[in-house]
């Protein structure tokens, strides 16, 4: 069993322990934390507490994580759009609305379920729930992903991501008319202390994040842009564009309350390039914009 320790920050003073503790884990729910408290797996200052305990600044939280249950990820036949495949790597175009890998409570319909039906040789470095997955894109972002079919390929692709040599270019539609033709956003990203389910630009605990962008076309109230990632933080483009005042159209989490109803953020991972782990050859792939994205562009052009 893993034992994790946390300290309550001053801004969490008087917060319920279940809410405060849930904020420390990206995938933890309050219900899950409440169960840990009932089972005596969570203590405050080395003593058990009730779920309605009000936290005090500098309280020491200790959580003994139970061993994870074995989860059976079932292969599912899907019509995957495979752009490239050999014995080491696979490149797939993920549609909008599809989750990349299973998580507790969400074990079916993911890209991994489809990949497991398509091929049996996926790297095991990321465990049973994320076989082959080297990097992710959000559920409502469409576009290209590279998948490792063995551990050698996985390590190579991860190292390329760390060394910032992977080409990742996205197309996006944002609110507002960006006057300058290009720019770079260099601002650290970390978890939002006010909303632990969201990310934000922050120096306190934030990790380096760099996004380059250029304007492709301007409309009445929107801009069509291309973003190139230098780093790959969670929600990076969505957070960075909000930070400079041009949030993504349709983004339910980081966009304005009044945005376009298009089923999620207008973001497409269109170009992906990397060095093949075995041959050393540079490979680059491009996936066209999905239909709903091109339809939105046409509507914006007509409204102009």
Protein backbone atom coordinates (compact mmCIF):
# COMPACT_ATOMS: atom_id res chain seq x y z
CA UNK A 1 0.00 0.00 0.00
CA UNK A 2 1.16 3.56 -0.78
CA UNK A 3 1.11 6.14 2.03
CA UNK A 4 0.74 9.75 0.90
CA UNK A 5 1.19 12.85 3.05
CA UNK A 6 -0.24 16.32 2.44
CA UNK A 7 -0.38 19.58 4.36
CA UNK A 8 -3.48 21.78 4.41
CA UNK A 9 -2.78 25.20 2.87
CA UNK A 10 -4.00 28.40 4.57
CA UNK A 11 -6.61 28.97 1.84
CA UNK A 12 -8.14 25.56 2.71
CA UNK A 13 -8.87 26.66 6.30
CA UNK A 14 -12.35 25.49 7.44
CA UNK A 15 -12.82 23.36 4.31
CA UNK A 16 -14.37 19.94 4.87
CA UNK A 17 -11.75 17.21 4.99
CA UNK A 18 -13.40 15.16 2.21
CA UNK A 19 -13.36 18.15 -0.15
CA UNK A 20 -9.81 19.16 0.76
CA UNK A 21 -8.42 15.64 0.45
CA UNK A 22 -10.15 15.04 -2.90
CA UNK A 23 -8.32 18.08 -4.31
CA UNK A 24 -4.95 16.38 -3.81
CA UNK A 25 -5.65 13.63 -6.34
CA UNK A 26 -6.44 14.31 -9.98
CA UNK A 27 -8.90 11.41 -10.20
CA UNK A 28 -10.15 11.32 -6.60
CA UNK A 29 -13.81 11.97 -5.84
CA UNK A 30 -15.26 13.13 -2.53
CA UNK A 31 -17.25 9.89 -2.34
CA UNK A 32 -14.03 7.90 -2.66
CA UNK A 33 -12.33 9.98 0.05
CA UNK A 34 -15.34 9.59 2.35
CA UNK A 35 -15.01 5.82 2.02
CA UNK A 36 -11.31 6.02 2.92
CA UNK A 37 -12.21 8.06 6.01
CA UNK A 38 -14.83 5.48 7.08
CA UNK A 39 -12.26 2.70 6.62
CA UNK A 40 -9.69 4.57 8.72
CA UNK A 41 -7.32 4.99 5.78
CA UNK A 42 -7.17 8.78 6.20
CA UNK A 43 -5.88 10.51 9.32
CA UNK A 44 -5.41 14.13 10.32
CA UNK A 45 -2.44 14.82 12.57
CA UNK A 46 -2.15 11.05 13.11
CA UNK A 47 -5.74 10.72 14.35
CA UNK A 48 -8.91 9.47 12.62
CA UNK A 49 -11.59 12.07 11.80
CA UNK A 50 -15.17 12.21 10.57
CA UNK A 51 -16.06 13.25 7.02
CA UNK A 52 -17.36 16.65 8.20
CA UNK A 53 -14.10 17.60 9.98
CA UNK A 54 -13.17 21.23 9.20
CA UNK A 55 -9.53 21.55 8.20
CA UNK A 56 -7.09 23.87 9.91
CA UNK A 57 -4.07 25.42 8.22
CA UNK A 58 -1.00 23.16 8.39
CA UNK A 59 -3.00 20.06 9.32
CA UNK A 60 -1.00 16.99 8.29
CA UNK A 61 -3.08 14.60 6.18
CA UNK A 62 -1.95 11.01 5.75
CA UNK A 63 -3.72 8.70 3.32
CA UNK A 64 -3.02 4.99 3.02
CA UNK A 65 -4.12 4.12 -0.49
CA UNK A 66 -5.68 0.67 -0.79
CA UNK A 67 -4.34 -1.70 -3.39
CA UNK A 68 -6.12 -1.01 -6.70
CA UNK A 69 -8.64 -3.55 -7.82
CA UNK A 70 -7.75 -5.53 -10.90
CA UNK A 71 -9.71 -3.99 -13.72
CA UNK A 72 -10.52 -6.00 -16.82
CA UNK A 73 -10.23 -3.75 -19.88
CA UNK A 74 -12.32 -5.40 -22.57
CA UNK A 75 -11.25 -5.18 -26.24
CA UNK A 76 -13.96 -3.55 -28.36
CA UNK A 77 -14.18 -3.64 -32.13
CA UNK A 78 -14.06 -0.07 -33.45
CA UNK A 79 -13.59 1.55 -36.82
CA UNK A 80 -10.31 3.20 -35.87
CA UNK A 81 -8.66 5.60 -38.31
CA UNK A 82 -5.10 4.26 -38.38
CA UNK A 83 -2.62 6.53 -40.20
CA UNK A 84 0.48 4.40 -39.72
CA UNK A 85 1.38 1.08 -38.15
CA UNK A 86 4.37 -1.25 -37.91
CA UNK A 87 5.72 -3.59 -35.24
CA UNK A 88 6.86 -0.68 -33.02
CA UNK A 89 4.46 2.25 -33.35
CA UNK A 90 0.97 3.13 -34.41
CA UNK A 91 -0.53 6.53 -35.27
CA UNK A 92 -4.28 6.92 -34.88
CA UNK A 93 -6.70 9.80 -35.49
CA UNK A 94 -8.93 10.06 -32.40
CA UNK A 95 -12.43 11.46 -32.98
CA UNK A 96 -13.92 14.12 -30.78
CA UNK A 97 -15.91 12.72 -27.86
CA UNK A 98 -13.72 9.64 -27.31
CA UNK A 99 -11.77 9.21 -24.07
CA UNK A 100 -8.18 8.02 -24.61
CA UNK A 101 -7.91 5.40 -21.86
CA UNK A 102 -10.15 3.72 -19.26
CA UNK A 103 -10.47 4.95 -15.70
CA UNK A 104 -12.39 3.52 -12.74
CA UNK A 105 -16.07 3.93 -13.55
CA UNK A 106 -15.35 4.48 -17.23
CA UNK A 107 -14.02 1.23 -18.64
CA UNK A 108 -15.61 0.99 -22.09
CA UNK A 109 -15.76 2.98 -25.30
CA UNK A 110 -12.24 4.38 -24.97
CA UNK A 111 -9.47 4.47 -27.55
CA UNK A 112 -7.57 1.83 -25.57
CA UNK A 113 -10.56 -0.53 -25.79
CA UNK A 114 -10.46 -0.16 -29.56
CA UNK A 115 -6.69 -0.51 -29.77
CA UNK A 116 -6.78 -3.75 -27.77
CA UNK A 117 -9.20 -5.23 -30.29
CA UNK A 118 -7.06 -3.99 -33.18
CA UNK A 119 -3.73 -5.37 -31.93
CA UNK A 120 -2.48 -7.39 -28.99
CA UNK A 121 1.05 -6.00 -28.85
CA UNK A 122 0.93 -2.75 -26.86
CA UNK A 123 3.61 -1.53 -24.43
CA UNK A 124 2.95 -2.22 -20.75
CA UNK A 125 4.92 0.62 -19.18
CA UNK A 126 1.80 2.64 -18.29
CA UNK A 127 -0.01 -0.31 -16.73
CA UNK A 128 -3.16 -2.25 -17.55
CA UNK A 129 -5.41 0.79 -18.06
CA UNK A 130 -3.11 2.69 -20.42
CA UNK A 131 -1.33 0.12 -22.61
CA UNK A 132 0.65 1.79 -25.38
CA UNK A 133 -0.42 5.29 -24.42
CA UNK A 134 2.51 7.72 -24.64
CA UNK A 135 0.59 11.02 -24.59
CA UNK A 136 -3.05 12.06 -24.42
CA UNK A 137 -5.43 14.57 -25.89
CA UNK A 138 -8.65 15.64 -24.20
CA UNK A 139 -11.94 13.82 -24.78
CA UNK A 140 -13.40 16.62 -26.91
CA UNK A 141 -10.18 17.31 -28.83
CA UNK A 142 -9.81 15.40 -32.08
CA UNK A 143 -6.57 14.43 -33.78
CA UNK A 144 -3.42 12.35 -33.97
CA UNK A 145 -1.86 10.25 -31.24
CA UNK A 146 1.24 8.07 -31.33
CA UNK A 147 0.95 4.69 -29.64
CA UNK A 148 3.84 2.42 -28.56
CA UNK A 149 3.59 -1.30 -29.34
CA UNK A 150 6.53 -2.33 -27.14
CA UNK A 151 8.50 -0.91 -24.21
CA UNK A 152 11.52 0.05 -26.35
CA UNK A 153 9.34 2.22 -28.55
CA UNK A 154 7.52 3.63 -25.51
CA UNK A 155 10.74 4.79 -23.84
CA UNK A 156 12.00 6.33 -27.09
CA UNK A 157 8.79 8.28 -27.73
CA UNK A 158 8.58 9.48 -24.12
CA UNK A 159 12.20 10.68 -24.28
CA UNK A 160 11.41 12.60 -27.46
CA UNK A 161 8.52 14.29 -25.66
CA UNK A 162 10.79 15.18 -22.73
CA UNK A 163 13.45 16.52 -25.11
CA UNK A 164 10.76 18.56 -26.94
CA UNK A 165 11.61 17.11 -30.34
CA UNK A 166 8.12 15.81 -31.17
CA UNK A 167 6.18 18.00 -33.63
CA UNK A 168 2.66 18.71 -32.38
CA UNK A 169 0.62 21.32 -34.20
CA UNK A 170 -3.03 22.03 -33.47
CA UNK A 171 -5.73 24.04 -35.22
CA UNK A 172 -8.07 26.03 -32.98
CA UNK A 173 -10.81 28.66 -33.11
CA UNK A 174 -10.71 31.22 -30.31
CA UNK A 175 -12.92 34.04 -29.11
CA UNK A 176 -11.72 37.51 -30.07
CA UNK A 177 -9.70 38.97 -32.92
CA UNK A 178 -5.96 38.56 -32.32
CA UNK A 179 -4.23 41.59 -33.82
CA UNK A 180 -0.65 40.27 -33.97
CA UNK A 181 0.14 37.53 -36.47
CA UNK A 182 2.08 35.25 -34.12
CA UNK A 183 3.26 34.94 -30.56
CA UNK A 184 4.64 32.72 -27.81
CA UNK A 185 3.02 32.06 -24.44
CA UNK A 186 5.60 31.08 -21.82
CA UNK A 187 3.68 30.66 -18.57
CA UNK A 188 3.81 27.82 -16.00
CA UNK A 189 0.69 25.67 -15.57
CA UNK A 190 -0.48 23.94 -12.40
CA UNK A 191 -3.66 22.86 -10.69
CA UNK A 192 -6.11 25.64 -9.84
CA UNK A 193 -6.33 25.99 -6.04
CA UNK A 194 -9.88 27.33 -6.31
CA UNK A 195 -11.01 24.50 -8.59
CA UNK A 196 -8.87 21.37 -8.32
CA UNK A 197 -10.49 19.86 -11.42
CA UNK A 198 -9.07 22.68 -13.56
CA UNK A 199 -5.61 23.88 -14.51
CA UNK A 200 -4.39 27.48 -14.49
CA UNK A 201 -1.34 29.64 -15.04
CA UNK A 202 0.45 29.74 -11.70
CA UNK A 203 3.97 30.10 -10.36
CA UNK A 204 3.08 28.21 -7.18
CA UNK A 205 3.70 24.61 -8.13
CA UNK A 206 3.27 25.27 -11.84
CA UNK A 207 5.38 23.44 -14.44
CA UNK A 208 7.04 25.14 -17.39
CA UNK A 209 4.66 25.43 -20.35
CA UNK A 210 5.35 27.00 -23.74
CA UNK A 211 2.87 27.40 -26.61
CA UNK A 212 3.66 29.07 -29.95
CA UNK A 213 0.75 30.32 -32.06
CA UNK A 214 0.09 32.06 -35.36
CA UNK A 215 -3.11 33.52 -36.78
CA UNK A 216 -4.40 31.78 -39.91
CA UNK A 217 -7.58 33.81 -40.42
CA UNK A 218 -9.60 36.50 -38.64
CA UNK A 219 -13.38 36.71 -38.44
CA UNK A 220 -15.84 39.15 -36.90
CA UNK A 221 -15.50 37.98 -33.29
CA UNK A 222 -13.19 34.97 -33.62
CA UNK A 223 -9.73 33.97 -34.82
CA UNK A 224 -8.59 30.76 -36.51
CA UNK A 225 -5.11 29.87 -35.27
CA UNK A 226 -2.42 27.19 -35.32
CA UNK A 227 -0.66 26.30 -32.07
CA UNK A 228 2.61 24.42 -31.72
CA UNK A 229 3.37 22.79 -28.39
CA UNK A 230 6.86 22.94 -26.94
CA UNK A 231 5.66 21.24 -23.74
CA UNK A 232 2.63 19.03 -23.10
CA UNK A 233 0.88 20.10 -19.91
CA UNK A 234 -2.70 19.09 -19.15
CA UNK A 235 -5.13 21.38 -21.03
CA UNK A 236 -2.13 23.52 -22.11
CA UNK A 237 -3.57 25.25 -25.19
CA UNK A 238 -6.94 25.79 -23.52
CA UNK A 239 -5.34 27.32 -20.41
CA UNK A 240 -2.78 29.43 -22.29
CA UNK A 241 -5.27 30.94 -24.74
CA UNK A 242 -7.62 31.81 -21.87
CA UNK A 243 -4.65 33.37 -20.05
CA UNK A 244 -3.98 35.85 -22.89
CA UNK A 245 -7.67 36.68 -23.27
CA UNK A 246 -8.59 34.53 -26.28
CA UNK A 247 -10.28 31.37 -24.90
CA UNK A 248 -11.20 28.50 -27.20
CA UNK A 249 -14.62 28.55 -28.81
CA UNK A 250 -16.95 25.93 -27.38
CA UNK A 251 -14.75 25.21 -24.36
CA UNK A 252 -17.09 24.34 -21.45
CA UNK A 253 -14.33 24.54 -18.82
CA UNK A 254 -12.11 27.47 -19.83
CA UNK A 255 -14.28 29.38 -22.30
CA UNK A 256 -16.71 32.21 -21.50
CA UNK A 257 -20.22 31.36 -20.32
CA UNK A 258 -21.62 32.51 -23.65
CA UNK A 259 -19.76 30.48 -26.24
CA UNK A 260 -20.53 28.42 -29.32
CA UNK A 261 -22.50 25.23 -28.69
CA UNK A 262 -20.39 22.81 -30.72
CA UNK A 263 -20.04 19.91 -28.30
CA UNK A 264 -16.67 20.90 -26.86
CA UNK A 265 -13.63 23.02 -27.59
CA UNK A 266 -12.74 23.78 -31.22
CA UNK A 267 -9.33 22.10 -31.11
CA UNK A 268 -7.77 19.57 -33.48
CA UNK A 269 -4.35 17.90 -33.18
CA UNK A 270 -3.70 17.97 -36.90
CA UNK A 271 0.05 17.41 -37.32
CA UNK A 272 2.23 14.91 -35.47
CA UNK A 273 5.89 14.19 -36.19
CA UNK A 274 8.51 12.07 -34.40
CA UNK A 275 11.65 10.01 -35.01
CA UNK A 276 10.93 6.31 -35.45
CA UNK A 277 12.29 4.46 -32.38
CA UNK A 278 13.95 1.71 -34.41
CA UNK A 279 14.87 3.17 -37.81
CA UNK A 280 15.75 6.72 -36.75
CA UNK A 281 13.67 8.08 -39.63
CA UNK A 282 11.61 11.24 -39.03
CA UNK A 283 7.91 10.57 -39.68
CA UNK A 284 5.23 13.24 -39.93
CA UNK A 285 1.48 12.83 -40.36
CA UNK A 286 -1.39 15.23 -40.97
CA UNK A 287 -5.08 14.63 -40.26
CA UNK A 288 -7.62 16.95 -41.94
CA UNK A 289 -10.05 18.98 -39.89
CA UNK A 290 -13.14 17.03 -38.80
CA UNK A 291 -16.43 17.92 -40.45
CA UNK A 292 -17.86 19.85 -37.51
CA UNK A 293 -14.72 22.03 -37.43
CA UNK A 294 -14.88 22.89 -41.15
CA UNK A 295 -18.62 23.59 -40.85
CA UNK A 296 -17.91 26.07 -38.05
CA UNK A 297 -15.22 27.77 -40.13
CA UNK A 298 -17.65 28.16 -43.04
CA UNK A 299 -20.28 29.68 -40.72
CA UNK A 300 -17.76 32.19 -39.38
CA UNK A 301 -16.68 33.12 -42.92
CA UNK A 302 -20.30 33.66 -43.97
CA UNK A 303 -21.05 35.79 -40.89
CA UNK A 304 -18.04 37.99 -41.66
